[in-house]
């Protein structure tokens, strides 16, 4: 006799759950949450309780998951044209579009309710604004029309520190703004690296990414400019007294690493170098936020 968990009905249920989880782009969610965590250690009136922080992070996760799901709903036809996205739940037919829309809206409602009840009206308002900005300003308006979509649209992807800040302080302070700025300015070189080695994919879907509009080498030069520009942005928390020497030393080191990878890309001009910059960009952001948390722990 087959085990109930291995029955066809159980497997179908598991596949359905997995498809809904995939809609939220789960690989991106830990990074979103990670960028909000240091704000709790910078709270104006002392670090909040672990339960409070966990519930705020859950609300932030629901907001990001909602934005990603609604983005997938809107872009399902374009995703079907791109090699790297054609197996996502909607273009692959694993979830009906209407069901995905309802799921995305339900996540938005859950995020708003949770952030409002735990973090207050300011946190809930920032959460709603981040979803609306990502869906309407970035996905619907900017992405299909402008090669600079990621520059402006990056504001939505950098909203986690603002939500956390509003929840713990009741308003947006220097802590939230500096962390927002780091993620905001980090996103263009990170995404443009993908656009370089996935250029044909974006062109097939009719999405005007920078390499296709101004050329590969001008894109690489702008990536280098952004990595250099990130140096003062990432050191701003030290200058403002929010973080100390531990974070400052790591920030200097990983900035040198990121800039060096962008310089190498400018010289090598191939897909492998672009992939390398993409991987370095992830390690760079992870190292910065780990260093923030370590720096804050040394002050306890």
Foldseek 3Di string as FASTA:
>chain_A
DDDPCPDPVNVLVVLLVVLLCLQLVVVLLVLLLLLQVLLQLLFPVHRDDPVLSVLLSLLLSLLSSLLSLLLCLVCVVLLCQFPVRCCRCRNVVVDDSVVSNVSSVVSLVVSLVSLCVRQNDQLSVLSVVLSCCSNPVQRPPDFLPHQCSLLVNQLSSLSSNQSSRCRRHVHGDPRSVLSSVLSNLLRLLLVVLVCLLRVVRCVSSNTNHDCVPPHQLVSLVVSLVSLVVSLVSLCVCCVVVSFHDQLNVQSVVLSVVLNVLSVVCNVPVDSVSSVVSNVSSVVSSVSNSVSSVVRSVVVD
